[in-house]
Amino acid sequence: MQTLPIKKLRETARIPTRATAGSAGYDLYACLTEAVTIPARGRGQIPTGIAISIGDPGVAAFVFGRSGLGIKQGIVPANAVGVVDSDYRGEIIVGLANHSDSDFTVRHGDRIAQMVLLPMLTPTLVEQDELDETERGTGGFGSTGK
């Protein structure tokens, strides 16, 4: 994939950008007519004013948090990671959760998340009575030590 078609749904929307040549993600920007306050321990939906056309069914866009917002402010995607399917053409809206004890205000143009395009696998699922054995087996949380 060499290009990603993007449509501005509102004139004031900002096309996603990469902060540096080594950035994996494209910053997504809030597209608001007025500031939105996400209450302490609350959630909100922030529009970006853009839609994309991935087209390739072997690729999806994933919306991840921005480390500065998450670590410094406690603002993270409400669903952990958002998924934009290859056939979705609607507006990208970012659900944000405020894990802090203070209200957080999002203003027009704020960087609110990052979008990463990744290949995805959709194998045919085959139900089995038994699965192959491994050294770990069914050992779950903490089973390999600290």
C-alpha atoms as a PDB file:
ATOM      1  CA  MET A   1       0.000   0.000   0.000  1.00  0.00           C
ATOM      2  CA  GLN A   2       1.690   3.159  -1.185  1.00  0.00           C
ATOM      3  CA  THR A   3      -1.176   5.607  -0.712  1.00  0.00           C
ATOM      4  CA  LEU A   4      -4.135   5.930   1.630  1.00  0.00           C
ATOM      5  CA  PRO A   5      -7.113   7.912   0.313  1.00  0.00           C
ATOM      6  CA  ILE A   6      -8.405  10.329   2.969  1.00  0.00           C
ATOM      7  CA  LYS A   7     -11.513  12.482   2.808  1.00  0.00           C
ATOM      8  CA  LYS A   8     -12.066  15.568   4.945  1.00  0.00           C
ATOM      9  CA  LEU A   9     -15.670  15.476   6.129  1.00  0.00           C
ATOM     10  CA  ARG A  10     -15.433  19.022   7.454  1.00  0.00           C
ATOM     11  CA  GLU A  11     -13.312  21.901   6.170  1.00  0.00           C
ATOM     12  CA  THR A  12     -11.673  22.324   9.588  1.00  0.00           C
ATOM     13  CA  ALA A  13     -10.473  18.701   9.776  1.00  0.00           C
ATOM     14  CA  ARG A  14      -6.754  18.010   9.781  1.00  0.00           C
ATOM     15  CA  ILE A  15      -5.155  15.237   7.739  1.00  0.00           C
ATOM     16  CA  PRO A  16      -3.249  12.813  10.046  1.00  0.00           C
ATOM     17  CA  THR A  17       0.513  13.368  10.232  1.00  0.00           C
ATOM     18  CA  ARG A  18       3.588  11.470  11.328  1.00  0.00           C
ATOM     19  CA  ALA A  19       5.691  13.434  13.815  1.00  0.00           C
ATOM     20  CA  THR A  20       8.990  12.045  12.499  1.00  0.00           C
ATOM     21  CA  ALA A  21      10.174   9.831   9.643  1.00  0.00           C
ATOM     22  CA  GLY A  22      10.504   6.983  12.157  1.00  0.00           C
ATOM     23  CA  SER A  23       6.998   7.338  13.610  1.00  0.00           C
ATOM     24  CA  ALA A  24       4.895   4.200  13.210  1.00  0.00           C
ATOM     25  CA  GLY A  25       1.612   6.024  13.699  1.00  0.00           C
ATOM     26  CA  TYR A  26      -0.194   8.977  12.187  1.00  0.00           C
ATOM     27  CA  ASP A  27      -1.424  11.483  14.749  1.00  0.00           C
ATOM     28  CA  LEU A  28      -5.204  11.918  14.724  1.00  0.00           C
ATOM     29  CA  TYR A  29      -6.555  15.392  15.478  1.00  0.00           C
ATOM     30  CA  ALA A  30      -9.775  16.442  17.188  1.00  0.00           C
ATOM     31  CA  CYS A  31     -12.207  18.168  14.831  1.00  0.00           C
ATOM     32  CA  LEU A  32     -14.521  20.152  17.101  1.00  0.00           C
ATOM     33  CA  THR A  33     -16.724  23.209  16.866  1.00  0.00           C
ATOM     34  CA  GLU A  34     -16.369  23.681  20.633  1.00  0.00           C
ATOM     35  CA  ALA A  35     -14.207  22.153  23.348  1.00  0.00           C
ATOM     36  CA  VAL A  36     -15.296  18.833  24.865  1.00  0.00           C
ATOM     37  CA  THR A  37     -14.627  18.053  28.512  1.00  0.00           C
ATOM     38  CA  ILE A  38     -14.212  14.428  29.479  1.00  0.00           C
ATOM     39  CA  PRO A  39     -15.053  14.188  33.166  1.00  0.00           C
ATOM     40  CA  ALA A  40     -12.735  12.533  35.671  1.00  0.00           C
ATOM     41  CA  ARG A  41     -13.202   8.746  35.407  1.00  0.00           C
ATOM     42  CA  GLY A  42     -15.531   9.355  32.440  1.00  0.00           C
ATOM     43  CA  ARG A  43     -15.554   8.774  28.697  1.00  0.00           C
ATOM     44  CA  GLY A  44     -16.158  10.826  25.583  1.00  0.00           C
ATOM     45  CA  GLN A  45     -16.286  10.495  21.808  1.00  0.00           C
ATOM     46  CA  ILE A  46     -14.087  12.838  19.808  1.00  0.00           C
ATOM     47  CA  PRO A  47     -14.629  13.233  16.048  1.00  0.00           C
ATOM     48  CA  THR A  48     -11.647  13.577  13.707  1.00  0.00           C
ATOM     49  CA  GLY A  49     -13.549  14.937  10.705  1.00  0.00           C
ATOM     50  CA  ILE A  50     -11.894  12.416   8.372  1.00  0.00           C
ATOM     51  CA  ALA A  51     -12.723   9.143   6.666  1.00  0.00           C
ATOM     52  CA  ILE A  52     -10.275   6.763   4.994  1.00  0.00           C
ATOM     53  CA  SER A  53     -10.414   4.152   2.254  1.00  0.00           C
ATOM     54  CA  ILE A  54      -8.063   1.289   3.074  1.00  0.00           C
ATOM     55  CA  GLY A  55      -9.471  -0.906   0.330  1.00  0.00           C
ATOM     56  CA  ASP A  56      -7.099  -3.838   0.915  1.00  0.00           C
ATOM     57  CA  PRO A  57      -8.956  -6.510   2.949  1.00  0.00           C
ATOM     58  CA  GLY A  58      -5.588  -7.700   4.284  1.00  0.00           C
ATOM     59  CA  VAL A  59      -4.979  -4.389   6.065  1.00  0.00           C
ATOM     60  CA  ALA A  60      -6.751  -2.568   8.899  1.00  0.00           C
ATOM     61  CA  ALA A  61      -6.113   0.698  10.715  1.00  0.00           C
ATOM     62  CA  PHE A  62      -5.687   0.496  14.462  1.00  0.00           C
ATOM     63  CA  VAL A  63      -6.227   3.481  16.747  1.00  0.00           C
ATOM     64  CA  PHE A  64      -3.799   3.481  19.657  1.00  0.00           C
ATOM     65  CA  GLY A  65      -3.318   5.915  22.495  1.00  0.00           C
ATOM     66  CA  ARG A  66      -0.646   8.573  22.524  1.00  0.00           C
ATOM     67  CA  SER A  67       1.913   7.757  25.192  1.00  0.00           C
ATOM     68  CA  GLY A  68       2.091  11.330  26.496  1.00  0.00           C
ATOM     69  CA  LEU A  69      -1.670  11.549  26.986  1.00  0.00           C
ATOM     70  CA  GLY A  70      -1.865   8.123  28.582  1.00  0.00           C
ATOM     71  CA  ILE A  71       1.095   8.354  30.916  1.00  0.00           C
ATOM     72  CA  LYS A  72       0.962  12.041  31.815  1.00  0.00           C
ATOM     73  CA  GLN A  73      -2.792  12.695  31.690  1.00  0.00           C
ATOM     74  CA  GLY A  74      -4.507   9.287  32.025  1.00  0.00           C
ATOM     75  CA  ILE A  75      -6.312   9.793  28.680  1.00  0.00           C
ATOM     76  CA  VAL A  76      -6.467   6.579  26.622  1.00  0.00           C
ATOM     77  CA  PRO A  77      -8.728   5.018  23.986  1.00  0.00           C
ATOM     78  CA  ALA A  78     -11.866   3.810  25.761  1.00  0.00           C
ATOM     79  CA  ASN A  79     -11.794   0.432  24.007  1.00  0.00           C
ATOM     80  CA  ALA A  80      -8.006  -0.034  24.450  1.00  0.00           C
ATOM     81  CA  VAL A  81      -7.413  -0.204  20.678  1.00  0.00           C
ATOM     82  CA  GLY A  82      -9.855   0.970  18.039  1.00  0.00           C
ATOM     83  CA  VAL A  83     -10.152  -0.972  14.796  1.00  0.00           C
ATOM     84  CA  VAL A  84     -10.984   0.623  11.448  1.00  0.00           C
ATOM     85  CA  ASP A  85     -11.964  -2.157   9.051  1.00  0.00           C
ATOM     86  CA  SER A  86     -10.832  -2.030   5.427  1.00  0.00           C
ATOM     87  CA  ASP A  87     -14.409  -1.590   4.188  1.00  0.00           C
ATOM     88  CA  TYR A  88     -15.457   1.170   6.636  1.00  0.00           C
ATOM     89  CA  ARG A  89     -15.903   4.585   5.025  1.00  0.00           C
ATOM     90  CA  GLY A  90     -17.425   6.581   7.867  1.00  0.00           C
ATOM     91  CA  GLU A  91     -15.848   9.170  10.117  1.00  0.00           C
ATOM     92  CA  ILE A  92     -13.093   8.022  12.434  1.00  0.00           C
ATOM     93  CA  ILE A  93     -14.315   8.854  15.916  1.00  0.00           C
ATOM     94  CA  VAL A  94     -12.026   8.240  18.862  1.00  0.00           C
ATOM     95  CA  GLY A  95     -13.551   7.089  22.127  1.00  0.00           C
ATOM     96  CA  LEU A  96     -11.424   8.379  24.993  1.00  0.00           C
ATOM     97  CA  ALA A  97     -11.442   7.353  28.647  1.00  0.00           C
ATOM     98  CA  ASN A  98     -10.208   9.652  31.395  1.00  0.00           C
ATOM     99  CA  HIS A  99      -8.564   7.523  34.084  1.00  0.00           C
ATOM    100  CA  SER A 100      -7.501  10.556  36.093  1.00  0.00           C
ATOM    101  CA  ASP A 101      -9.195  12.316  38.983  1.00  0.00           C
ATOM    102  CA  SER A 102      -9.425  15.591  37.021  1.00  0.00           C
ATOM    103  CA  ASP A 103     -11.624  16.660  34.129  1.00  0.00           C
ATOM    104  CA  PHE A 104      -9.773  16.805  30.793  1.00  0.00           C
ATOM    105  CA  THR A 105     -10.672  19.239  28.020  1.00  0.00           C
ATOM    106  CA  VAL A 106     -10.113  18.398  24.349  1.00  0.00           C
ATOM    107  CA  ARG A 107      -9.919  21.347  21.971  1.00  0.00           C
ATOM    108  CA  HIS A 108     -10.096  21.555  18.200  1.00  0.00           C
ATOM    109  CA  GLY A 109      -6.788  20.481  16.670  1.00  0.00           C
ATOM    110  CA  ASP A 110      -5.537  18.549  19.701  1.00  0.00           C
ATOM    111  CA  ARG A 111      -3.695  15.316  18.918  1.00  0.00           C
ATOM    112  CA  ILE A 112      -5.910  12.679  20.515  1.00  0.00           C
ATOM    113  CA  ALA A 113      -4.645   9.290  19.303  1.00  0.00           C
ATOM    114  CA  GLN A 114      -2.480   7.650  16.680  1.00  0.00           C
ATOM    115  CA  MET A 115      -3.478   5.480  13.754  1.00  0.00           C
ATOM    116  CA  VAL A 116      -1.278   2.588  12.640  1.00  0.00           C
ATOM    117  CA  LEU A 117      -1.930   0.522   9.514  1.00  0.00           C
ATOM    118  CA  LEU A 118      -1.155  -3.168   9.964  1.00  0.00           C
ATOM    119  CA  PRO A 119      -1.572  -6.370   7.999  1.00  0.00           C
ATOM    120  CA  MET A 120      -4.132  -8.749   9.435  1.00  0.00           C
ATOM    121  CA  LEU A 121      -4.798 -12.436   9.052  1.00  0.00           C
ATOM    122  CA  THR A 122      -8.245 -13.952   8.612  1.00  0.00           C
ATOM    123  CA  PRO A 123      -7.642 -17.710   8.434  1.00  0.00           C
ATOM    124  CA  THR A 124     -10.465 -20.209   8.180  1.00  0.00           C
ATOM    125  CA  LEU A 125     -11.299 -21.384  11.701  1.00  0.00           C
ATOM    126  CA  VAL A 126     -11.286 -25.152  12.148  1.00  0.00           C
ATOM    127  CA  GLU A 127     -12.774 -26.623  15.306  1.00  0.00           C
ATOM    128  CA  GLN A 128     -10.620 -29.393  16.817  1.00  0.00           C
ATOM    129  CA  ASP A 129     -11.156 -31.863  19.660  1.00  0.00           C
ATOM    130  CA  GLU A 130      -7.466 -31.614  20.630  1.00  0.00           C
ATOM    131  CA  LEU A 131      -4.696 -29.066  20.082  1.00  0.00           C
ATOM    132  CA  ASP A 132      -0.980 -29.753  19.677  1.00  0.00           C
ATOM    133  CA  GLU A 133       1.127 -29.978  22.848  1.00  0.00           C
ATOM    134  CA  THR A 134       3.677 -27.319  23.852  1.00  0.00           C
ATOM    135  CA  GLU A 135       6.171 -26.985  26.699  1.00  0.00           C
ATOM    136  CA  ARG A 136       3.977 -24.342  28.344  1.00  0.00           C
ATOM    137  CA  GLY A 137       0.728 -26.198  27.806  1.00  0.00           C
ATOM    138  CA  THR A 138      -2.218 -24.561  29.565  1.00  0.00           C
ATOM    139  CA  GLY A 139      -0.109 -22.502  31.994  1.00  0.00           C
ATOM    140  CA  GLY A 140      -1.743 -19.097  32.174  1.00  0.00           C
ATOM    141  CA  PHE A 141      -1.147 -15.821  33.955  1.00  0.00           C
ATOM    142  CA  GLY A 142       2.205 -15.835  35.754  1.00  0.00           C
ATOM    143  CA  SER A 143       2.975 -19.434  34.837  1.00  0.00           C
ATOM    144  CA  THR A 144       6.420 -18.576  33.408  1.00  0.00           C
ATOM    145  CA  GLY A 145       7.571 -16.601  36.473  1.00  0.00           C
ATOM    146  CA  LYS A 146       8.259 -12.904  37.037  1.00  0.00           C
END
